[in-house]
């Protein structure tokens, strides 16, 4: 596979990467009403845990490289690198 752009993040090389294609798109738009600092903190922890769970599931499936057609969130990139994944 040849990609025109550089990787996102610090990991620049992966060997023996598996090949799989998922063209599904997801929408993550919504409104959350928060009334206190405690609610905000709990919401942030829950979102962080969900993103890590998703990235860990992708890496645990054997995927080492993730190619995205859109922007990559900082938290998703953080967990991707924590689990030694490469993101384009």
C-alpha atoms as a PDB file:
ATOM      1  CA  UNK A   1       0.000   0.000   0.000  1.00  0.00           C
ATOM      2  CA  UNK A   2       1.318   3.452  -0.850  1.00  0.00           C
ATOM      3  CA  UNK A   3       0.148   6.450   1.170  1.00  0.00           C
ATOM      4  CA  UNK A   4       0.863  10.022   0.202  1.00  0.00           C
ATOM      5  CA  UNK A   5       0.768  11.590   3.669  1.00  0.00           C
ATOM      6  CA  UNK A   6       3.002  11.069   6.689  1.00  0.00           C
ATOM      7  CA  UNK A   7       1.784   9.256   9.786  1.00  0.00           C
ATOM      8  CA  UNK A   8      -0.033  11.030  12.597  1.00  0.00           C
ATOM      9  CA  UNK A   9       1.935  10.667  15.813  1.00  0.00           C
ATOM     10  CA  UNK A  10       5.363   9.430  16.770  1.00  0.00           C
ATOM     11  CA  UNK A  11       5.297   5.864  15.424  1.00  0.00           C
ATOM     12  CA  UNK A  12       6.638   5.883  11.856  1.00  0.00           C
ATOM     13  CA  UNK A  13       7.249   2.220  10.985  1.00  0.00           C
ATOM     14  CA  UNK A  14       5.441  -1.073  11.538  1.00  0.00           C
ATOM     15  CA  UNK A  15       6.518  -4.492  10.313  1.00  0.00           C
ATOM     16  CA  UNK A  16       4.293  -7.475   9.437  1.00  0.00           C
ATOM     17  CA  UNK A  17       1.074  -5.426   9.497  1.00  0.00           C
ATOM     18  CA  UNK A  18      -2.162  -7.227   8.625  1.00  0.00           C
ATOM     19  CA  UNK A  19      -4.412  -5.982   5.825  1.00  0.00           C
ATOM     20  CA  UNK A  20      -8.099  -5.303   6.456  1.00  0.00           C
ATOM     21  CA  UNK A  21     -10.515  -2.701   5.138  1.00  0.00           C
ATOM     22  CA  UNK A  22     -13.500  -1.193   6.938  1.00  0.00           C
ATOM     23  CA  UNK A  23     -15.306   1.517   5.013  1.00  0.00           C
ATOM     24  CA  UNK A  24     -18.068   2.115   7.543  1.00  0.00           C
ATOM     25  CA  UNK A  25     -18.613   5.650   8.730  1.00  0.00           C
ATOM     26  CA  UNK A  26     -19.736   6.702  12.185  1.00  0.00           C
ATOM     27  CA  UNK A  27     -21.339   9.869  13.453  1.00  0.00           C
ATOM     28  CA  UNK A  28     -20.552  10.969  16.981  1.00  0.00           C
ATOM     29  CA  UNK A  29     -22.582  14.146  17.230  1.00  0.00           C
ATOM     30  CA  UNK A  30     -24.723  14.726  20.274  1.00  0.00           C
ATOM     31  CA  UNK A  31     -25.535  17.065  23.112  1.00  0.00           C
ATOM     32  CA  UNK A  32     -24.630  16.469  26.732  1.00  0.00           C
ATOM     33  CA  UNK A  33     -26.061  18.690  29.463  1.00  0.00           C
ATOM     34  CA  UNK A  34     -23.716  18.958  32.446  1.00  0.00           C
ATOM     35  CA  UNK A  35     -24.690  20.738  35.646  1.00  0.00           C
ATOM     36  CA  UNK A  36     -21.633  20.305  37.861  1.00  0.00           C
ATOM     37  CA  UNK A  37     -17.885  19.844  37.797  1.00  0.00           C
ATOM     38  CA  UNK A  38     -18.343  16.293  39.129  1.00  0.00           C
ATOM     39  CA  UNK A  39     -20.596  15.414  36.179  1.00  0.00           C
ATOM     40  CA  UNK A  40     -18.034  16.854  33.774  1.00  0.00           C
ATOM     41  CA  UNK A  41     -15.234  14.845  35.355  1.00  0.00           C
ATOM     42  CA  UNK A  42     -17.263  11.620  35.247  1.00  0.00           C
ATOM     43  CA  UNK A  43     -18.223  12.232  31.614  1.00  0.00           C
ATOM     44  CA  UNK A  44     -14.593  12.832  30.634  1.00  0.00           C
ATOM     45  CA  UNK A  45     -13.471   9.617  32.369  1.00  0.00           C
ATOM     46  CA  UNK A  46     -16.219   7.628  30.630  1.00  0.00           C
ATOM     47  CA  UNK A  47     -15.309   9.035  27.199  1.00  0.00           C
ATOM     48  CA  UNK A  48     -11.625   8.329  27.791  1.00  0.00           C
ATOM     49  CA  UNK A  49     -12.372   4.737  28.803  1.00  0.00           C
ATOM     50  CA  UNK A  50     -14.572   4.182  25.712  1.00  0.00           C
ATOM     51  CA  UNK A  51     -11.912   5.505  23.337  1.00  0.00           C
ATOM     52  CA  UNK A  52      -9.207   3.366  24.941  1.00  0.00           C
ATOM     53  CA  UNK A  53     -11.513   0.313  24.775  1.00  0.00           C
ATOM     54  CA  UNK A  54     -12.119   0.917  21.060  1.00  0.00           C
ATOM     55  CA  UNK A  55      -8.436   1.415  20.180  1.00  0.00           C
ATOM     56  CA  UNK A  56      -7.376  -1.566  22.320  1.00  0.00           C
ATOM     57  CA  UNK A  57      -9.958  -3.773  20.557  1.00  0.00           C
ATOM     58  CA  UNK A  58      -8.587  -2.717  17.153  1.00  0.00           C
ATOM     59  CA  UNK A  59      -4.976  -3.414  18.175  1.00  0.00           C
ATOM     60  CA  UNK A  60      -5.913  -6.665  19.955  1.00  0.00           C
ATOM     61  CA  UNK A  61      -7.534  -7.869  16.720  1.00  0.00           C
ATOM     62  CA  UNK A  62      -4.031  -7.885  15.221  1.00  0.00           C
ATOM     63  CA  UNK A  63      -4.245  -4.567  13.365  1.00  0.00           C
ATOM     64  CA  UNK A  64      -1.089  -2.497  13.675  1.00  0.00           C
ATOM     65  CA  UNK A  65      -1.956   0.267  11.198  1.00  0.00           C
ATOM     66  CA  UNK A  66      -5.104   2.411  11.130  1.00  0.00           C
ATOM     67  CA  UNK A  67      -5.830   4.468   8.013  1.00  0.00           C
ATOM     68  CA  UNK A  68      -8.409   7.202   8.496  1.00  0.00           C
ATOM     69  CA  UNK A  69      -9.969   9.508   5.948  1.00  0.00           C
ATOM     70  CA  UNK A  70     -10.704  12.136   8.582  1.00  0.00           C
ATOM     71  CA  UNK A  71      -9.200  13.959  11.516  1.00  0.00           C
ATOM     72  CA  UNK A  72      -7.731  12.014  14.429  1.00  0.00           C
ATOM     73  CA  UNK A  73      -8.531  13.121  17.966  1.00  0.00           C
ATOM     74  CA  UNK A  74      -5.642  13.649  20.364  1.00  0.00           C
ATOM     75  CA  UNK A  75      -6.994  11.114  22.840  1.00  0.00           C
ATOM     76  CA  UNK A  76      -7.474   8.448  20.147  1.00  0.00           C
ATOM     77  CA  UNK A  77      -3.920   9.055  18.923  1.00  0.00           C
ATOM     78  CA  UNK A  78      -2.609   8.837  22.495  1.00  0.00           C
ATOM     79  CA  UNK A  79      -4.192   5.416  23.030  1.00  0.00           C
ATOM     80  CA  UNK A  80      -3.136   4.227  19.583  1.00  0.00           C
ATOM     81  CA  UNK A  81       0.487   5.008  20.414  1.00  0.00           C
ATOM     82  CA  UNK A  82       0.155   3.547  23.918  1.00  0.00           C
ATOM     83  CA  UNK A  83      -0.863   0.252  22.313  1.00  0.00           C
ATOM     84  CA  UNK A  84       1.854   0.535  19.581  1.00  0.00           C
ATOM     85  CA  UNK A  85      -0.476   1.275  16.676  1.00  0.00           C
ATOM     86  CA  UNK A  86       0.361   3.424  13.658  1.00  0.00           C
ATOM     87  CA  UNK A  87      -2.217   5.957  12.409  1.00  0.00           C
ATOM     88  CA  UNK A  88      -2.464   7.543   8.938  1.00  0.00           C
END
